């Protein structure tokens, strides 16, 4: 029953957080998830990778922000900070979904105006290098890790602060983990 644990955890989390969409998968390295619907620019997509969870605190191990819909590719585009190659980059949501055994799309409890400004900020960071300093965070940095980029995008757009532990904590230090961005969601 080891393979059922992520799905059970997702169902419990989905009930508590009211995500836009959530899915678990029992696949291998290329996971399959139903493509989420009801997405709007500024939504947060999070994923769980069992190997990354060894070093990243919390269940969720990666996050990105939905930027726009690419009608030519028939796919949503995600802005994410990625470590290989080390850069803030654009990826298709379908590619993001294939990398994680469990995924969720969350909506930040704010206005569409703030969400769009958060996307604009994230897009302005394209090409910046990956930030390996996970124990700290900054809004206007020269580099970003995944959850720092999403957090900074919303702070720069006027909030809300999606960091569940904005000060120092023993678990997250002064950083912001993907797990912490799950606290400011609203039902759709």
Protein backbone atom coordinates (compact mmCIF):
# COMPACT_ATOMS: atom_id res chain seq x y z
CA UNK A 1 0.00 0.00 0.00
CA UNK A 2 2.99 2.35 -0.25
CA UNK A 3 1.75 3.73 -3.56
CA UNK A 4 -1.62 4.73 -2.12
CA UNK A 5 -0.16 7.00 0.59
CA UNK A 6 0.41 10.04 -1.69
CA UNK A 7 -3.13 9.77 -3.05
CA UNK A 8 -4.64 9.56 0.44
CA UNK A 9 -2.54 12.54 1.56
CA UNK A 10 -3.68 14.48 -1.50
CA UNK A 11 -7.35 13.74 -0.84
CA UNK A 12 -7.03 14.94 2.75
CA UNK A 13 -5.12 18.03 1.65
CA UNK A 14 -7.61 18.70 -1.16
CA UNK A 15 -10.46 18.66 1.34
CA UNK A 16 -8.68 21.14 3.62
CA UNK A 17 -7.37 23.55 0.97
CA UNK A 18 -10.10 23.66 -1.67
CA UNK A 19 -7.66 23.56 -4.58
CA UNK A 20 -8.67 24.46 -8.10
CA UNK A 21 -7.53 21.00 -9.17
CA UNK A 22 -5.55 18.18 -7.62
CA UNK A 23 -4.46 14.78 -8.83
CA UNK A 24 -2.43 11.80 -7.73
CA UNK A 25 -0.76 9.29 -10.01
CA UNK A 26 0.72 5.84 -9.67
CA UNK A 27 2.93 6.28 -12.76
CA UNK A 28 6.71 5.99 -13.11
CA UNK A 29 9.05 8.81 -14.06
CA UNK A 30 6.45 10.19 -16.49
CA UNK A 31 3.36 10.60 -14.36
CA UNK A 32 -0.10 11.03 -15.84
CA UNK A 33 -2.61 13.46 -14.34
CA UNK A 34 -5.89 14.65 -15.78
CA UNK A 35 -5.31 18.10 -17.22
CA UNK A 36 -6.76 20.66 -14.76
CA UNK A 37 -9.59 22.97 -15.75
CA UNK A 38 -10.71 26.33 -14.40
CA UNK A 39 -7.17 27.72 -14.32
CA UNK A 40 -6.53 31.47 -14.37
CA UNK A 41 -3.23 33.35 -14.70
CA UNK A 42 -1.66 33.72 -11.26
CA UNK A 43 -2.74 30.32 -9.98
CA UNK A 44 0.00 28.38 -8.22
CA UNK A 45 0.89 24.87 -9.35
CA UNK A 46 2.67 22.64 -6.84
CA UNK A 47 4.11 19.16 -7.13
CA UNK A 48 5.52 16.41 -4.97
CA UNK A 49 8.66 14.48 -5.88
CA UNK A 50 9.53 11.65 -3.45
CA UNK A 51 13.28 12.15 -3.93
CA UNK A 52 13.17 15.92 -3.38
CA UNK A 53 11.11 15.49 -0.22
CA UNK A 54 14.23 14.14 1.47
CA UNK A 55 15.75 17.64 1.57
CA UNK A 56 12.78 20.00 1.11
CA UNK A 57 10.59 20.42 4.20
CA UNK A 58 6.90 19.61 3.84
CA UNK A 59 5.07 17.38 1.39
CA UNK A 60 5.18 19.72 -1.63
CA UNK A 61 8.62 19.98 -3.25
CA UNK A 62 8.23 22.35 -6.23
CA UNK A 63 6.05 25.25 -7.27
CA UNK A 64 5.47 27.61 -10.16
CA UNK A 65 3.00 30.28 -11.22
CA UNK A 66 0.59 29.95 -14.15
CA UNK A 67 1.43 32.76 -16.60
CA UNK A 68 -0.81 32.48 -19.67
CA UNK A 69 -2.44 30.11 -22.11
CA UNK A 70 -0.49 29.33 -25.30
CA UNK A 71 -3.19 28.76 -27.94
CA UNK A 72 -0.63 27.52 -30.49
CA UNK A 73 0.52 24.73 -28.13
CA UNK A 74 -2.93 24.28 -26.55
CA UNK A 75 -1.32 24.36 -23.09
CA UNK A 76 -0.90 26.65 -20.09
CA UNK A 77 2.55 28.15 -19.52
CA UNK A 78 4.19 28.06 -16.07
CA UNK A 79 6.97 30.33 -14.80
CA UNK A 80 9.30 28.37 -12.52
CA UNK A 81 12.77 28.66 -11.02
CA UNK A 82 14.58 25.47 -11.97
CA UNK A 83 18.02 24.21 -11.00
CA UNK A 84 19.10 22.45 -14.21
CA UNK A 85 19.62 24.50 -16.25
CA UNK A 86 19.88 27.04 -13.48
CA UNK A 87 17.34 29.68 -14.44
CA UNK A 88 13.89 31.14 -14.09
CA UNK A 89 12.18 29.71 -17.15
CA UNK A 90 8.91 28.92 -18.90
CA UNK A 91 7.54 25.37 -19.17
CA UNK A 92 4.26 23.96 -20.34
CA UNK A 93 1.88 22.81 -17.62
CA UNK A 94 1.67 19.37 -19.23
CA UNK A 95 5.45 19.00 -18.79
CA UNK A 96 5.22 20.21 -15.17
CA UNK A 97 2.49 17.61 -14.46
CA UNK A 98 4.63 14.74 -15.81
CA UNK A 99 7.43 15.41 -13.31
CA UNK A 100 5.44 14.86 -10.08
CA UNK A 101 3.56 11.98 -8.54
CA UNK A 102 1.08 14.37 -6.91
CA UNK A 103 0.10 17.84 -8.15
CA UNK A 104 -2.34 20.59 -7.22
CA UNK A 105 -3.35 23.93 -8.67
CA UNK A 106 -4.17 26.55 -6.05
CA UNK A 107 -5.77 29.98 -6.28
CA UNK A 108 -4.43 32.78 -4.10
CA UNK A 109 -7.19 34.63 -2.24
CA UNK A 110 -6.82 38.01 -3.96
CA UNK A 111 -8.05 39.95 -6.99
CA UNK A 112 -7.40 39.15 -10.65
CA UNK A 113 -5.51 42.47 -10.82
CA UNK A 114 -3.03 41.33 -8.14
CA UNK A 115 -2.74 37.88 -9.75
CA UNK A 116 -1.92 39.46 -13.14
CA UNK A 117 0.68 41.76 -11.53
CA UNK A 118 2.24 38.73 -9.83
CA UNK A 119 2.51 37.04 -13.23
CA UNK A 120 4.08 40.19 -14.72
CA UNK A 121 6.70 40.25 -11.96
CA UNK A 122 7.49 36.55 -12.46
CA UNK A 123 7.89 37.03 -16.22
CA UNK A 124 10.33 39.90 -15.60
CA UNK A 125 12.58 37.45 -13.72
CA UNK A 126 13.04 35.11 -16.71
CA UNK A 127 16.67 34.10 -17.20
CA UNK A 128 17.79 34.89 -13.66
CA UNK A 129 19.81 32.05 -12.09
CA UNK A 130 18.55 29.54 -9.57
CA UNK A 131 19.08 30.55 -5.92
CA UNK A 132 20.54 27.73 -3.80
CA UNK A 133 20.07 29.80 -0.61
CA UNK A 134 16.82 28.10 0.42
CA UNK A 135 17.20 29.29 4.03
CA UNK A 136 16.46 32.94 3.14
CA UNK A 137 14.31 34.91 0.72
CA UNK A 138 14.18 38.31 -0.94
CA UNK A 139 11.64 40.01 -3.16
CA UNK A 140 13.99 41.84 -5.53
CA UNK A 141 16.85 39.40 -5.91
CA UNK A 142 19.40 38.47 -8.53
CA UNK A 143 18.36 34.81 -8.29
CA UNK A 144 15.34 32.79 -7.12
CA UNK A 145 14.43 29.29 -5.96
CA UNK A 146 10.97 28.06 -6.94
CA UNK A 147 8.87 29.04 -3.94
CA UNK A 148 10.86 32.24 -3.42
CA UNK A 149 9.90 33.31 -6.96
CA UNK A 150 6.18 32.65 -6.40
CA UNK A 151 6.26 34.35 -2.97
CA UNK A 152 8.21 37.37 -4.32
CA UNK A 153 5.78 37.70 -7.24
CA UNK A 154 2.83 38.12 -4.90
CA UNK A 155 4.69 40.44 -2.50
CA UNK A 156 5.81 42.65 -5.40
CA UNK A 157 2.21 42.71 -6.69
CA UNK A 158 0.90 44.00 -3.35
CA UNK A 159 0.23 40.77 -1.50
CA UNK A 160 -0.98 38.71 0.13
CA UNK A 161 2.07 37.20 1.80
CA UNK A 162 1.76 33.52 0.91
CA UNK A 163 4.55 32.53 3.33
CA UNK A 164 2.80 30.70 6.15
CA UNK A 165 5.81 31.36 8.43
CA UNK A 166 7.02 34.83 7.39
CA UNK A 167 9.59 35.10 10.16
CA UNK A 168 12.16 32.62 11.36
CA UNK A 169 11.11 29.03 12.04
CA UNK A 170 13.25 25.98 12.78
CA UNK A 171 11.64 24.06 9.93
CA UNK A 172 11.95 26.69 7.17
CA UNK A 173 14.56 29.06 8.70
CA UNK A 174 14.02 32.44 6.96
CA UNK A 175 13.06 30.89 3.63
CA UNK A 176 9.74 29.97 2.07
CA UNK A 177 9.08 26.36 1.06
CA UNK A 178 6.58 25.15 -1.58
CA UNK A 179 4.56 23.70 1.31
CA UNK A 180 3.94 27.18 2.72
CA UNK A 181 2.22 28.53 -0.40
CA UNK A 182 -0.79 26.29 0.30
CA UNK A 183 -2.22 28.50 3.05
CA UNK A 184 -3.84 31.35 1.12
CA UNK A 185 -6.11 29.53 -1.29
CA UNK A 186 -9.77 30.14 -1.89
CA UNK A 187 -12.49 27.88 -3.28
CA UNK A 188 -13.41 28.40 -6.94
